[in-house]
Protein backbone atom coordinates (compact mmCIF):
# COMPACT_ATOMS: atom_id res chain seq x y z
CA MET A 1 -29.68 102.24 -91.46
CA GLU A 2 -31.40 98.80 -91.16
CA LEU A 3 -28.09 97.11 -90.71
CA ALA A 4 -26.96 99.19 -87.83
CA GLU A 5 -28.86 97.42 -85.42
CA PRO A 6 -27.03 94.06 -84.58
CA ARG A 7 -30.05 91.93 -84.50
CA VAL A 8 -31.41 93.19 -87.72
CA ARG A 9 -28.32 92.83 -89.43
CA ALA A 10 -27.69 88.96 -88.13
CA GLY A 11 -31.32 88.31 -89.47
CA VAL A 12 -30.56 89.93 -93.04
CA TRP A 13 -27.26 88.26 -93.06
CA GLU A 14 -28.46 84.91 -92.10
CA HIS A 15 -32.06 84.65 -93.71
CA THR A 16 -31.50 86.65 -96.98
CA THR A 17 -29.48 86.78 -100.01
CA PHE A 18 -27.63 89.94 -98.81
CA HIS A 19 -24.56 88.36 -98.47
CA SER A 20 -24.36 86.81 -102.38
CA ASP A 21 -26.72 89.44 -103.86
CA PRO A 22 -26.76 92.78 -102.07
CA LEU A 23 -28.38 94.70 -104.83
CA ARG A 24 -31.21 92.12 -105.29
CA ARG A 25 -32.22 92.04 -101.61
CA LEU A 26 -31.95 96.04 -101.48
CA ARG A 27 -34.39 96.17 -104.48
CA ARG A 28 -36.72 93.82 -102.76
CA THR A 29 -36.67 96.01 -99.53
CA GLY A 30 -37.03 99.16 -101.44
CA LEU A 31 -40.11 98.04 -103.44
CA ALA A 32 -41.75 96.51 -100.33
CA ALA A 33 -41.23 99.86 -98.66
CA MET A 34 -42.39 102.14 -101.78
CA VAL A 35 -45.70 99.68 -102.05
CA THR A 36 -46.42 99.86 -98.19
CA VAL A 37 -45.98 103.92 -98.45
CA TYR A 38 -47.19 104.77 -101.74
CA GLY A 39 -49.33 102.11 -103.02
CA ALA A 40 -52.98 101.62 -103.23
CA ARG A 41 -54.19 100.12 -99.52
CA SER A 42 -55.25 97.06 -101.01
CA ILE A 43 -51.94 96.19 -102.62
CA ALA A 44 -50.14 97.52 -99.60
CA GLU A 45 -52.04 95.52 -97.25
CA THR A 46 -51.16 92.22 -99.27
CA MET A 47 -47.74 93.39 -99.08
CA ILE A 48 -47.61 94.05 -95.49
CA ALA A 49 -49.06 90.50 -94.73
CA ARG A 50 -46.71 88.72 -97.02
CA VAL A 51 -43.63 90.49 -95.54
CA ARG A 52 -45.04 89.62 -92.01
CA ARG A 53 -45.46 85.84 -92.96
CA MET A 54 -42.03 85.70 -94.20
CA HIS A 55 -40.65 87.47 -90.99
CA ASP A 56 -42.56 84.65 -88.96
CA THR A 57 -39.92 82.34 -89.79
CA VAL A 58 -36.76 84.52 -89.13
CA THR A 59 -35.30 83.94 -85.86
CA GLY A 60 -31.83 83.60 -84.39
CA THR A 61 -29.25 84.61 -82.24
CA THR A 62 -26.30 87.33 -83.07
CA LEU A 63 -22.59 86.38 -82.58
CA SER A 64 -22.99 88.07 -79.22
CA GLY A 65 -25.69 85.85 -78.15
CA GLU A 66 -28.56 88.12 -78.48
CA PRO A 67 -31.88 86.48 -79.56
CA TYR A 68 -33.63 88.02 -82.57
CA ARG A 69 -37.14 87.54 -84.19
CA ALA A 70 -37.78 89.78 -87.31
CA ASN A 71 -41.38 90.38 -86.13
CA ASP A 72 -40.34 91.90 -82.97
CA PRO A 73 -41.92 95.49 -82.78
CA GLU A 74 -38.69 96.71 -81.45
CA LEU A 75 -36.70 95.67 -84.30
CA ILE A 76 -39.30 96.51 -86.89
CA SER A 77 -39.10 100.35 -85.62
CA HIS A 78 -35.18 100.23 -86.80
CA LEU A 79 -36.41 99.76 -90.55
C-alpha cells in the first residue's frame, strides 16, 4: 500500500535499497511496524525515533515535479 502514493513511492525508490533488494527493505519495514505496534513502549519509542531520524534526510521531487519529505504528516498517514 505504501507504494500507491507517488511521493512515497519516489522516496522509497530513491532513498532505500528497495530497487536492489526489495525483500530486505520489506522485512525492515515489517519489523519496524511490528515493534511499534506490538513491542514494549520503550523499545517502540526507540524504533520510532530512529525511523524519524532516518526520514529527516529523505526529501526529493517525484518525476512529475511534486516535492516530498518523508516526515510529512500527510505522507506518513499513507504507511
